Amino acid sequence: MQILSEKISKDNLKTLAANTFVDMIKCVADVRLGLLAVDAELHADLESLLLEKGSQQEDLWGFNLYPDEAGDDFVEFDSLINIRAWQGNRSRDVEDETVRQQIRDIVSKYVE
């Protein structure tokens, strides 16, 4: 588990993914602070790591990256931590397109 502080290549993501889910890596983004946490068996573990570092729950969104894919297939907006009716998100998906774009922007900032 780590919070990225510099860019990581897709090849490095593949290496990390190979340790857990083979073709996919779990991630959590803090859309307010622009942080990206990667590499855990559960999104909830990454969420806890970011909360310990000062993130706020309402800013954290879970998703998966598929390093072998490109375009829309690279990011999958699916995580149990995204279910939060109090914030208007009633499913595992990130339903708000603005939040999805914020996540894409953060991924672009850290993944080359």
PDB file of N, CA and C in Angstrom:
ATOM      1  N   MET A   1       0.845  -1.178   0.000  1.00  0.00           N
ATOM      2  CA  MET A   1       0.000   0.000   0.000  1.00  0.00           C
ATOM      3  C   MET A   1       0.882   1.229   0.000  1.00  0.00           C
ATOM      4  N   GLN A   2       0.508   2.181  -0.841  1.00  0.00           N
ATOM      5  CA  GLN A   2       1.279   3.412  -0.870  1.00  0.00           C
ATOM      6  C   GLN A   2       0.456   4.567  -1.426  1.00  0.00           C
ATOM      7  N   ILE A   3       0.789   5.748  -0.954  1.00  0.00           N
ATOM      8  CA  ILE A   3       0.250   6.972  -1.533  1.00  0.00           C
ATOM      9  C   ILE A   3       1.325   7.479  -2.474  1.00  0.00           C
ATOM     10  N   LEU A   4       0.977   7.620  -3.737  1.00  0.00           N
ATOM     11  CA  LEU A   4       1.971   8.026  -4.721  1.00  0.00           C
ATOM     12  C   LEU A   4       2.383   9.483  -4.509  1.00  0.00           C
ATOM     13  N   SER A   5       3.676   9.725  -4.648  1.00  0.00           N
ATOM     14  CA  SER A   5       4.197  11.089  -4.552  1.00  0.00           C
ATOM     15  C   SER A   5       4.856  11.506  -5.855  1.00  0.00           C
ATOM     16  N   GLU A   6       5.013  10.546  -6.752  1.00  0.00           N
ATOM     17  CA  GLU A   6       5.571  10.829  -8.068  1.00  0.00           C
ATOM     18  C   GLU A   6       4.938   9.888  -9.084  1.00  0.00           C
ATOM     19  N   LYS A   7       5.199  10.159 -10.349  1.00  0.00           N
ATOM     20  CA  LYS A   7       4.602   9.363 -11.422  1.00  0.00           C
ATOM     21  C   LYS A   7       5.055   7.910 -11.347  1.00  0.00           C
ATOM     22  N   ILE A   8       4.169   7.026 -11.791  1.00  0.00           N
ATOM     23  CA  ILE A   8       4.452   5.606 -11.876  1.00  0.00           C
ATOM     24  C   ILE A   8       4.073   5.153 -13.287  1.00  0.00           C
ATOM     25  N   SER A   9       4.848   4.259 -13.840  1.00  0.00           N
ATOM     26  CA  SER A   9       4.559   3.782 -15.193  1.00  0.00           C
ATOM     27  C   SER A   9       3.512   2.672 -15.156  1.00  0.00           C
ATOM     28  N   LYS A  10       2.888   2.445 -16.285  1.00  0.00           N
ATOM     29  CA  LYS A  10       1.942   1.335 -16.376  1.00  0.00           C
ATOM     30  C   LYS A  10       2.656   0.008 -16.130  1.00  0.00           C
ATOM     31  N   ASP A  11       3.915  -0.093 -16.542  1.00  0.00           N
ATOM     32  CA  ASP A  11       4.680  -1.319 -16.281  1.00  0.00           C
ATOM     33  C   ASP A  11       4.854  -1.552 -14.781  1.00  0.00           C
ATOM     34  N   ASN A  12       5.111  -0.481 -14.026  1.00  0.00           N
ATOM     35  CA  ASN A  12       5.206  -0.621 -12.574  1.00  0.00           C
ATOM     36  C   ASN A  12       3.857  -0.996 -11.964  1.00  0.00           C
ATOM     37  N   LEU A  13       2.777  -0.448 -12.519  1.00  0.00           N
ATOM     38  CA  LEU A  13       1.440  -0.842 -12.061  1.00  0.00           C
ATOM     39  C   LEU A  13       1.211  -2.329 -12.316  1.00  0.00           C
ATOM     40  N   LYS A  14       1.649  -2.811 -13.472  1.00  0.00           N
ATOM     41  CA  LYS A  14       1.514  -4.240 -13.788  1.00  0.00           C
ATOM     42  C   LYS A  14       2.237  -5.095 -12.763  1.00  0.00           C
ATOM     43  N   THR A  15       3.428  -4.664 -12.374  1.00  0.00           N
ATOM     44  CA  THR A  15       4.205  -5.398 -11.375  1.00  0.00           C
ATOM     45  C   THR A  15       3.459  -5.438 -10.045  1.00  0.00           C
ATOM     46  N   LEU A  16       2.910  -4.299  -9.634  1.00  0.00           N
ATOM     47  CA  LEU A  16       2.136  -4.260  -8.392  1.00  0.00           C
ATOM     48  C   LEU A  16       0.893  -5.142  -8.496  1.00  0.00           C
ATOM     49  N   ALA A  17       0.214  -5.066  -9.629  1.00  0.00           N
ATOM     50  CA  ALA A  17      -1.012  -5.850  -9.829  1.00  0.00           C
ATOM     51  C   ALA A  17      -0.725  -7.344  -9.777  1.00  0.00           C
ATOM     52  N   ALA A  18       0.426  -7.749 -10.263  1.00  0.00           N
ATOM     53  CA  ALA A  18       0.787  -9.168 -10.294  1.00  0.00           C
ATOM     54  C   ALA A  18       0.832  -9.779  -8.891  1.00  0.00           C
ATOM     55  N   ASN A  19       1.054  -8.944  -7.887  1.00  0.00           N
ATOM     56  CA  ASN A  19       1.122  -9.433  -6.502  1.00  0.00           C
ATOM     57  C   ASN A  19      -0.242  -9.717  -5.894  1.00  0.00           C
ATOM     58  N   THR A  20      -1.305  -9.192  -6.494  1.00  0.00           N
ATOM     59  CA  THR A  20      -2.633  -9.376  -5.902  1.00  0.00           C
ATOM     60  C   THR A  20      -3.658  -9.895  -6.905  1.00  0.00           C
ATOM     61  N   PHE A  21      -4.075  -9.064  -7.829  1.00  0.00           N
ATOM     62  CA  PHE A  21      -5.192  -9.417  -8.709  1.00  0.00           C
ATOM     63  C   PHE A  21      -4.782  -9.701 -10.150  1.00  0.00           C
ATOM     64  N   VAL A  22      -3.508  -9.809 -10.407  1.00  0.00           N
ATOM     65  CA  VAL A  22      -2.910 -10.150 -11.693  1.00  0.00           C
ATOM     66  C   VAL A  22      -3.057  -9.042 -12.734  1.00  0.00           C
ATOM     67  N   ASP A  23      -4.283  -8.718 -13.136  1.00  0.00           N
ATOM     68  CA  ASP A  23      -4.467  -7.751 -14.221  1.00  0.00           C
ATOM     69  C   ASP A  23      -5.091  -6.439 -13.766  1.00  0.00           C
ATOM     70  N   MET A  24      -5.291  -6.277 -12.465  1.00  0.00           N
ATOM     71  CA  MET A  24      -6.000  -5.111 -11.943  1.00  0.00           C
ATOM     72  C   MET A  24      -5.366  -4.679 -10.633  1.00  0.00           C
ATOM     73  N   ILE A  25      -5.388  -3.361 -10.386  1.00  0.00           N
ATOM     74  CA  ILE A  25      -4.883  -2.832  -9.123  1.00  0.00           C
ATOM     75  C   ILE A  25      -5.946  -1.922  -8.512  1.00  0.00           C
ATOM     76  N   LYS A  26      -6.186  -2.096  -7.226  1.00  0.00           N
ATOM     77  CA  LYS A  26      -7.172  -1.270  -6.529  1.00  0.00           C
ATOM     78  C   LYS A  26      -6.551   0.063  -6.134  1.00  0.00           C
ATOM     79  N   CYS A  27      -7.372   1.114  -6.229  1.00  0.00           N
ATOM     80  CA  CYS A  27      -6.906   2.470  -5.953  1.00  0.00           C
ATOM     81  C   CYS A  27      -7.996   3.262  -5.234  1.00  0.00           C
ATOM     82  N   VAL A  28      -7.570   4.277  -4.508  1.00  0.00           N
ATOM     83  CA  VAL A  28      -8.488   5.243  -3.916  1.00  0.00           C
ATOM     84  C   VAL A  28      -7.900   6.624  -4.158  1.00  0.00           C
ATOM     85  N   ALA A  29      -8.729   7.537  -4.635  1.00  0.00           N
ATOM     86  CA  ALA A  29      -8.313   8.914  -4.883  1.00  0.00           C
ATOM     87  C   ALA A  29      -8.979   9.842  -3.884  1.00  0.00           C
ATOM     88  N   ASP A  30      -8.227  10.828  -3.445  1.00  0.00           N
ATOM     89  CA  ASP A  30      -8.767  11.945  -2.675  1.00  0.00           C
ATOM     90  C   ASP A  30      -8.953  13.071  -3.686  1.00  0.00           C
ATOM     91  N   VAL A  31     -10.196  13.339  -4.065  1.00  0.00           N
ATOM     92  CA  VAL A  31     -10.460  14.297  -5.132  1.00  0.00           C
ATOM     93  C   VAL A  31     -10.268  15.753  -4.685  1.00  0.00           C
ATOM     94  N   ARG A  32     -10.237  15.996  -3.407  1.00  0.00           N
ATOM     95  CA  ARG A  32      -9.993  17.359  -2.913  1.00  0.00           C
ATOM     96  C   ARG A  32      -8.496  17.653  -2.846  1.00  0.00           C
ATOM     97  N   LEU A  33      -7.717  16.699  -2.336  1.00  0.00           N
ATOM     98  CA  LEU A  33      -6.275  16.910  -2.178  1.00  0.00           C
ATOM     99  C   LEU A  33      -5.466  16.435  -3.388  1.00  0.00           C
ATOM    100  N   GLY A  34      -6.107  15.719  -4.297  1.00  0.00           N
ATOM    101  CA  GLY A  34      -5.408  15.236  -5.479  1.00  0.00           C
ATOM    102  C   GLY A  34      -4.452  14.096  -5.200  1.00  0.00           C
ATOM    103  N   LEU A  35      -4.771  13.257  -4.216  1.00  0.00           N
ATOM    104  CA  LEU A  35      -3.908  12.145  -3.834  1.00  0.00           C
ATOM    105  C   LEU A  35      -4.381  10.840  -4.463  1.00  0.00           C
ATOM    106  N   LEU A  36      -3.441   9.922  -4.655  1.00  0.00           N
ATOM    107  CA  LEU A  36      -3.764   8.609  -5.195  1.00  0.00           C
ATOM    108  C   LEU A  36      -3.056   7.541  -4.374  1.00  0.00           C
ATOM    109  N   ALA A  37      -3.849   6.674  -3.751  1.00  0.00           N
ATOM    110  CA  ALA A  37      -3.320   5.533  -3.008  1.00  0.00           C
ATOM    111  C   ALA A  37      -3.559   4.277  -3.838  1.00  0.00           C
ATOM    112  N   VAL A  38      -2.554   3.399  -3.863  1.00  0.00           N
ATOM    113  CA  VAL A  38      -2.625   2.204  -4.706  1.00  0.00           C
ATOM    114  C   VAL A  38      -2.130   0.970  -3.968  1.00  0.00           C
ATOM    115  N   ASP A  39      -2.527  -0.180  -4.497  1.00  0.00           N
ATOM    116  CA  ASP A  39      -1.941  -1.470  -4.141  1.00  0.00           C
ATOM    117  C   ASP A  39      -2.370  -2.010  -2.777  1.00  0.00           C
ATOM    118  N   ALA A  40      -3.593  -2.496  -2.711  1.00  0.00           N
ATOM    119  CA  ALA A  40      -4.091  -3.178  -1.514  1.00  0.00           C
ATOM    120  C   ALA A  40      -5.102  -4.228  -1.952  1.00  0.00           C
ATOM    121  N   GLU A  41      -5.384  -5.157  -1.066  1.00  0.00           N
ATOM    122  CA  GLU A  41      -6.396  -6.161  -1.373  1.00  0.00           C
ATOM    123  C   GLU A  41      -7.799  -5.584  -1.285  1.00  0.00           C
ATOM    124  N   LEU A  42      -7.977  -4.552  -0.455  1.00  0.00           N
ATOM    125  CA  LEU A  42      -9.286  -3.926  -0.283  1.00  0.00           C
ATOM    126  C   LEU A  42      -9.177  -2.413  -0.469  1.00  0.00           C
ATOM    127  N   HIS A  43     -10.179  -1.848  -1.122  1.00  0.00           N
ATOM    128  CA  HIS A  43     -10.237  -0.389  -1.223  1.00  0.00           C
ATOM    129  C   HIS A  43     -10.290   0.229   0.172  1.00  0.00           C
ATOM    130  N   ALA A  44     -10.947  -0.450   1.094  1.00  0.00           N
ATOM    131  CA  ALA A  44     -11.096   0.064   2.460  1.00  0.00           C
ATOM    132  C   ALA A  44      -9.746   0.256   3.145  1.00  0.00           C
ATOM    133  N   ASP A  45      -8.765  -0.592   2.817  1.00  0.00           N
ATOM    134  CA  ASP A  45      -7.429  -0.423   3.399  1.00  0.00           C
ATOM    135  C   ASP A  45      -6.782   0.868   2.897  1.00  0.00           C
ATOM    136  N   LEU A  46      -6.935   1.144   1.609  1.00  0.00           N
ATOM    137  CA  LEU A  46      -6.392   2.382   1.039  1.00  0.00           C
ATOM    138  C   LEU A  46      -7.130   3.594   1.592  1.00  0.00           C
ATOM    139  N   GLU A  47      -8.441   3.442   1.760  1.00  0.00           N
ATOM    140  CA  GLU A  47      -9.252   4.500   2.354  1.00  0.00           C
ATOM    141  C   GLU A  47      -8.739   4.823   3.760  1.00  0.00           C
ATOM    142  N   SER A  48      -8.482   3.803   4.562  1.00  0.00           N
ATOM    143  CA  SER A  48      -7.969   4.003   5.926  1.00  0.00           C
ATOM    144  C   SER A  48      -6.615   4.700   5.920  1.00  0.00           C
ATOM    145  N   LEU A  49      -5.747   4.302   4.994  1.00  0.00           N
ATOM    146  CA  LEU A  49      -4.438   4.934   4.880  1.00  0.00           C
ATOM    147  C   LEU A  49      -4.576   6.430   4.605  1.00  0.00           C
ATOM    148  N   LEU A  50      -5.437   6.793   3.681  1.00  0.00           N
ATOM    149  CA  LEU A  50      -5.640   8.206   3.363  1.00  0.00           C
ATOM    150  C   LEU A  50      -6.297   8.970   4.514  1.00  0.00           C
ATOM    151  N   LEU A  51      -7.236   8.335   5.198  1.00  0.00           N
ATOM    152  CA  LEU A  51      -7.865   8.984   6.360  1.00  0.00           C
ATOM    153  C   LEU A  51      -6.833   9.264   7.441  1.00  0.00           C
ATOM    154  N   GLU A  52      -5.903   8.325   7.648  1.00  0.00           N
ATOM    155  CA  GLU A  52      -4.830   8.522   8.633  1.00  0.00           C
ATOM    156  C   GLU A  52      -3.934   9.700   8.262  1.00  0.00           C
ATOM    157  N   LYS A  53      -3.841   9.998   6.974  1.00  0.00           N
ATOM    158  CA  LYS A  53      -2.989  11.082   6.488  1.00  0.00           C
ATOM    159  C   LYS A  53      -3.731  12.413   6.372  1.00  0.00           C
ATOM    160  N   GLY A  54      -4.996  12.442   6.814  1.00  0.00           N
ATOM    161  CA  GLY A  54      -5.726  13.703   6.859  1.00  0.00           C
ATOM    162  C   GLY A  54      -6.819  13.889   5.825  1.00  0.00           C
ATOM    163  N   SER A  55      -7.062  12.902   4.991  1.00  0.00           N
ATOM    164  CA  SER A  55      -8.154  13.006   4.018  1.00  0.00           C
ATOM    165  C   SER A  55      -9.501  12.957   4.729  1.00  0.00           C
ATOM    166  N   GLN A  56     -10.526  13.463   4.067  1.00  0.00           N
ATOM    167  CA  GLN A  56     -11.892  13.426   4.585  1.00  0.00           C
ATOM    168  C   GLN A  56     -12.684  12.363   3.822  1.00  0.00           C
ATOM    169  N   GLN A  57     -13.527  11.634   4.517  1.00  0.00           N
ATOM    170  CA  GLN A  57     -14.299  10.538   3.928  1.00  0.00           C
ATOM    171  C   GLN A  57     -15.026  10.930   2.642  1.00  0.00           C
ATOM    172  N   GLU A  58     -15.660  12.088   2.642  1.00  0.00           N
ATOM    173  CA  GLU A  58     -16.474  12.478   1.490  1.00  0.00           C
ATOM    174  C   GLU A  58     -15.643  12.749   0.231  1.00  0.00           C
ATOM    175  N   ASP A  59     -14.321  12.855   0.380  1.00  0.00           N
ATOM    176  CA  ASP A  59     -13.437  13.124  -0.757  1.00  0.00           C
ATOM    177  C   ASP A  59     -12.811  11.869  -1.343  1.00  0.00           C
ATOM    178  N   LEU A  60     -13.049  10.718  -0.726  1.00  0.00           N
ATOM    179  CA  LEU A  60     -12.380   9.481  -1.123  1.00  0.00           C
ATOM    180  C   LEU A  60     -13.275   8.602  -1.986  1.00  0.00           C
ATOM    181  N   TRP A  61     -12.721   8.163  -3.110  1.00  0.00           N
ATOM    182  CA  TRP A  61     -13.461   7.335  -4.057  1.00  0.00           C
ATOM    183  C   TRP A  61     -12.598   6.167  -4.512  1.00  0.00           C
ATOM    184  N   GLY A  62     -13.186   4.978  -4.503  1.00  0.00           N
ATOM    185  CA  GLY A  62     -12.464   3.779  -4.897  1.00  0.00           C
ATOM    186  C   GLY A  62     -12.713   3.421  -6.348  1.00  0.00           C
ATOM    187  N   PHE A  63     -11.691   2.842  -6.958  1.00  0.00           N
ATOM    188  CA  PHE A  63     -11.768   2.417  -8.356  1.00  0.00           C
ATOM    189  C   PHE A  63     -10.650   1.425  -8.628  1.00  0.00           C
ATOM    190  N   ASN A  64     -10.659   0.861  -9.814  1.00  0.00           N
ATOM    191  CA  ASN A  64      -9.649  -0.102 -10.220  1.00  0.00           C
ATOM    192  C   ASN A  64      -8.970   0.364 -11.494  1.00  0.00           C
ATOM    193  N   LEU A  65      -7.686   0.064 -11.617  1.00  0.00           N
ATOM    194  CA  LEU A  65      -6.954   0.335 -12.842  1.00  0.00           C
ATOM    195  C   LEU A  65      -6.544  -0.983 -13.475  1.00  0.00           C
ATOM    196  N   TYR A  66      -6.636  -1.039 -14.790  1.00  0.00           N
ATOM    197  CA  TYR A  66      -6.236  -2.203 -15.570  1.00  0.00           C
ATOM    198  C   TYR A  66      -5.060  -1.786 -16.456  1.00  0.00           C
ATOM    199  N   PRO A  67      -3.832  -2.019 -15.998  1.00  0.00           N
ATOM    200  CA  PRO A  67      -2.647  -1.523 -16.705  1.00  0.00           C
ATOM    201  C   PRO A  67      -2.502  -1.974 -18.156  1.00  0.00           C
ATOM    202  N   ASP A  68      -3.073  -3.101 -18.521  1.00  0.00           N
ATOM    203  CA  ASP A  68      -2.984  -3.580 -19.900  1.00  0.00           C
ATOM    204  C   ASP A  68      -4.007  -2.931 -20.821  1.00  0.00           C
ATOM    205  N   GLU A  69      -4.895  -2.141 -20.260  1.00  0.00           N
ATOM    206  CA  GLU A  69      -5.977  -1.524 -21.044  1.00  0.00           C
ATOM    207  C   GLU A  69      -5.693  -0.048 -21.302  1.00  0.00           C
ATOM    208  N   ALA A  70      -6.492   0.544 -22.156  1.00  0.00           N
ATOM    209  CA  ALA A  70      -6.368   1.972 -22.471  1.00  0.00           C
ATOM    210  C   ALA A  70      -7.755   2.590 -22.570  1.00  0.00           C
ATOM    211  N   GLY A  71      -7.798   3.910 -22.611  1.00  0.00           N
ATOM    212  CA  GLY A  71      -9.071   4.606 -22.757  1.00  0.00           C
ATOM    213  C   GLY A  71     -10.023   4.316 -21.620  1.00  0.00           C
ATOM    214  N   ASP A  72     -11.304   4.153 -21.960  1.00  0.00           N
ATOM    215  CA  ASP A  72     -12.334   3.906 -20.947  1.00  0.00           C
ATOM    216  C   ASP A  72     -12.147   2.588 -20.207  1.00  0.00           C
ATOM    217  N   ASP A  73     -11.427   1.641 -20.796  1.00  0.00           N
ATOM    218  CA  ASP A  73     -11.213   0.338 -20.161  1.00  0.00           C
ATOM    219  C   ASP A  73     -10.101   0.359 -19.115  1.00  0.00           C
ATOM    220  N   PHE A  74      -9.323   1.440 -19.065  1.00  0.00           N
ATOM    221  CA  PHE A  74      -8.215   1.545 -18.106  1.00  0.00           C
ATOM    222  C   PHE A  74      -8.716   1.749 -16.685  1.00  0.00           C
ATOM    223  N   VAL A  75      -9.767   2.563 -16.511  1.00  0.00           N
ATOM    224  CA  VAL A  75     -10.311   2.873 -15.185  1.00  0.00           C
ATOM    225  C   VAL A  75     -11.705   2.268 -15.048  1.00  0.00           C
ATOM    226  N   GLU A  76     -11.912   1.556 -13.944  1.00  0.00           N
ATOM    227  CA  GLU A  76     -13.227   0.996 -13.613  1.00  0.00           C
ATOM    228  C   GLU A  76     -13.673   1.630 -12.297  1.00  0.00           C
ATOM    229  N   PHE A  77     -14.763   2.360 -12.325  1.00  0.00           N
ATOM    230  CA  PHE A  77     -15.244   3.119 -11.163  1.00  0.00           C
ATOM    231  C   PHE A  77     -16.124   2.247 -10.268  1.00  0.00           C
ATOM    232  N   ASP A  78     -15.555   1.228  -9.662  1.00  0.00           N
ATOM    233  CA  ASP A  78     -16.322   0.259  -8.897  1.00  0.00           C
ATOM    234  C   ASP A  78     -15.641  -0.033  -7.560  1.00  0.00           C
ATOM    235  N   SER A  79     -16.345   0.218  -6.464  1.00  0.00           N
ATOM    236  CA  SER A  79     -15.825  -0.100  -5.139  1.00  0.00           C
ATOM    237  C   SER A  79     -16.942  -0.024  -4.111  1.00  0.00           C
ATOM    238  N   LEU A  80     -16.871  -0.891  -3.130  1.00  0.00           N
ATOM    239  CA  LEU A  80     -17.845  -0.850  -2.036  1.00  0.00           C
ATOM    240  C   LEU A  80     -17.780   0.467  -1.256  1.00  0.00           C
ATOM    241  N   ILE A  81     -16.600   1.077  -1.181  1.00  0.00           N
ATOM    242  CA  ILE A  81     -16.504   2.324  -0.404  1.00  0.00           C
ATOM    243  C   ILE A  81     -17.263   3.465  -1.053  1.00  0.00           C
ATOM    244  N   ASN A  82     -17.683   3.285  -2.298  1.00  0.00           N
ATOM    245  CA  ASN A  82     -18.421   4.342  -2.996  1.00  0.00           C
ATOM    246  C   ASN A  82     -19.905   4.368  -2.638  1.00  0.00           C
ATOM    247  N   ILE A  83     -20.401   3.355  -1.967  1.00  0.00           N
ATOM    248  CA  ILE A  83     -21.819   3.334  -1.591  1.00  0.00           C
ATOM    249  C   ILE A  83     -22.006   4.280  -0.414  1.00  0.00           C
ATOM    250  N   ARG A  84     -22.645   5.395  -0.690  1.00  0.00           N
ATOM    251  CA  ARG A  84     -22.912   6.374   0.365  1.00  0.00           C
ATOM    252  C   ARG A  84     -24.116   7.222  -0.015  1.00  0.00           C
ATOM    253  N   ALA A  85     -25.262   6.763   0.428  1.00  0.00           N
ATOM    254  CA  ALA A  85     -26.518   7.443   0.129  1.00  0.00           C
ATOM    255  C   ALA A  85     -26.504   8.880   0.633  1.00  0.00           C
ATOM    256  N   TRP A  86     -25.872   9.138   1.765  1.00  0.00           N
ATOM    257  CA  TRP A  86     -25.826  10.481   2.345  1.00  0.00           C
ATOM    258  C   TRP A  86     -25.135  11.467   1.423  1.00  0.00           C
ATOM    259  N   GLN A  87     -24.381  10.951   0.449  1.00  0.00           N
ATOM    260  CA  GLN A  87     -23.678  11.814  -0.493  1.00  0.00           C
ATOM    261  C   GLN A  87     -24.276  11.695  -1.898  1.00  0.00           C
ATOM    262  N   GLY A  88     -25.401  10.986  -1.988  1.00  0.00           N
ATOM    263  CA  GLY A  88     -26.087  10.856  -3.268  1.00  0.00           C
ATOM    264  C   GLY A  88     -25.546   9.767  -4.174  1.00  0.00           C
ATOM    265  N   ASN A  89     -24.638   8.933  -3.680  1.00  0.00           N
ATOM    266  CA  ASN A  89     -24.075   7.839  -4.484  1.00  0.00           C
ATOM    267  C   ASN A  89     -24.601   6.527  -3.906  1.00  0.00           C
ATOM    268  N   ARG A  90     -25.555   5.930  -4.583  1.00  0.00           N
ATOM    269  CA  ARG A  90     -26.262   4.774  -4.037  1.00  0.00           C
ATOM    270  C   ARG A  90     -25.774   3.429  -4.579  1.00  0.00           C
ATOM    271  N   SER A  91     -24.679   3.448  -5.337  1.00  0.00           N
ATOM    272  CA  SER A  91     -24.169   2.194  -5.885  1.00  0.00           C
ATOM    273  C   SER A  91     -22.660   2.116  -5.693  1.00  0.00           C
ATOM    274  N   ARG A  92     -22.087   1.001  -6.117  1.00  0.00           N
ATOM    275  CA  ARG A  92     -20.638   0.810  -6.048  1.00  0.00           C
ATOM    276  C   ARG A  92     -19.914   1.688  -7.069  1.00  0.00           C
ATOM    277  N   ASP A  93     -20.625   2.098  -8.109  1.00  0.00           N
ATOM    278  CA  ASP A  93     -20.039   2.948  -9.139  1.00  0.00           C
ATOM    279  C   ASP A  93     -19.932   4.385  -8.650  1.00  0.00           C
ATOM    280  N   VAL A  94     -18.992   5.121  -9.228  1.00  0.00           N
ATOM    281  CA  VAL A  94     -18.952   6.569  -9.016  1.00  0.00           C
ATOM    282  C   VAL A  94     -19.962   7.135 -10.007  1.00  0.00           C
ATOM    283  N   GLU A  95     -21.088   7.619  -9.507  1.00  0.00           N
ATOM    284  CA  GLU A  95     -22.193   8.029 -10.368  1.00  0.00           C
ATOM    285  C   GLU A  95     -22.043   9.444 -10.923  1.00  0.00           C
ATOM    286  N   ASP A  96     -21.351  10.312 -10.213  1.00  0.00           N
ATOM    287  CA  ASP A  96     -21.206  11.713 -10.607  1.00  0.00           C
ATOM    288  C   ASP A  96     -20.091  11.854 -11.646  1.00  0.00           C
ATOM    289  N   GLU A  97     -20.438  12.334 -12.832  1.00  0.00           N
ATOM    290  CA  GLU A  97     -19.451  12.465 -13.908  1.00  0.00           C
ATOM    291  C   GLU A  97     -18.348  13.457 -13.547  1.00  0.00           C
ATOM    292  N   THR A  98     -18.657  14.477 -12.759  1.00  0.00           N
ATOM    293  CA  THR A  98     -17.627  15.428 -12.327  1.00  0.00           C
ATOM    294  C   THR A  98     -16.582  14.728 -11.470  1.00  0.00           C
ATOM    295  N   VAL A  99     -17.025  13.888 -10.545  1.00  0.00           N
ATOM    296  CA  VAL A  99     -16.096  13.134  -9.693  1.00  0.00           C
ATOM    297  C   VAL A  99     -15.290  12.157 -10.547  1.00  0.00           C
ATOM    298  N   ARG A 100     -15.939  11.505 -11.505  1.00  0.00           N
ATOM    299  CA  ARG A 100     -15.213  10.606 -12.404  1.00  0.00           C
ATOM    300  C   ARG A 100     -14.088  11.342 -13.122  1.00  0.00           C
ATOM    301  N   GLN A 101     -14.373  12.543 -13.591  1.00  0.00           N
ATOM    302  CA  GLN A 101     -13.347  13.309 -14.293  1.00  0.00           C
ATOM    303  C   GLN A 101     -12.229  13.721 -13.347  1.00  0.00           C
ATOM    304  N   GLN A 102     -12.572  14.075 -12.111  1.00  0.00           N
ATOM    305  CA  GLN A 102     -11.538  14.396 -11.125  1.00  0.00           C
ATOM    306  C   GLN A 102     -10.621  13.198 -10.902  1.00  0.00           C
ATOM    307  N   ILE A 103     -11.202  12.004 -10.836  1.00  0.00           N
ATOM    308  CA  ILE A 103     -10.410  10.783 -10.664  1.00  0.00           C
ATOM    309  C   ILE A 103      -9.512  10.572 -11.880  1.00  0.00           C
ATOM    310  N   ARG A 104     -10.067  10.712 -13.087  1.00  0.00           N
ATOM    311  CA  ARG A 104      -9.254  10.564 -14.300  1.00  0.00           C
ATOM    312  C   ARG A 104      -8.083  11.542 -14.292  1.00  0.00           C
ATOM    313  N   ASP A 105      -8.336  12.777 -13.871  1.00  0.00           N
ATOM    314  CA  ASP A 105      -7.282  13.799 -13.822  1.00  0.00           C
ATOM    315  C   ASP A 105      -6.180  13.404 -12.841  1.00  0.00           C
ATOM    316  N   ILE A 106      -6.558  12.875 -11.685  1.00  0.00           N
ATOM    317  CA  ILE A 106      -5.581  12.442 -10.686  1.00  0.00           C
ATOM    318  C   ILE A 106      -4.778  11.264 -11.229  1.00  0.00           C
ATOM    319  N   VAL A 107      -5.456  10.316 -11.864  1.00  0.00           N
ATOM    320  CA  VAL A 107      -4.750   9.174 -12.457  1.00  0.00           C
ATOM    321  C   VAL A 107      -3.755   9.674 -13.502  1.00  0.00           C
ATOM    322  N   SER A 108      -4.169  10.611 -14.339  1.00  0.00           N
ATOM    323  CA  SER A 108      -3.275  11.163 -15.374  1.00  0.00           C
ATOM    324  C   SER A 108      -2.069  11.862 -14.752  1.00  0.00           C
ATOM    325  N   LYS A 109      -2.271  12.465 -13.598  1.00  0.00           N
ATOM    326  CA  LYS A 109      -1.180  13.156 -12.898  1.00  0.00           C
ATOM    327  C   LYS A 109      -0.108  12.177 -12.423  1.00  0.00           C
ATOM    328  N   TYR A 110      -0.530  10.967 -12.030  1.00  0.00           N
ATOM    329  CA  TYR A 110       0.388  10.009 -11.422  1.00  0.00           C
ATOM    330  C   TYR A 110       0.778   8.814 -12.289  1.00  0.00           C
ATOM    331  N   VAL A 111       0.024   8.508 -13.317  1.00  0.00           N
ATOM    332  CA  VAL A 111       0.326   7.323 -14.121  1.00  0.00           C
ATOM    333  C   VAL A 111       0.731   7.769 -15.520  1.00  0.00           C
ATOM    334  N   GLU A 112       1.916   7.289 -15.942  1.00  0.00           N
ATOM    335  CA  GLU A 112       2.389   7.639 -17.284  1.00  0.00           C
ATOM    336  C   GLU A 112       2.374   6.447 -18.212  1.00  0.00           C
TER     337      GLU A 112
END
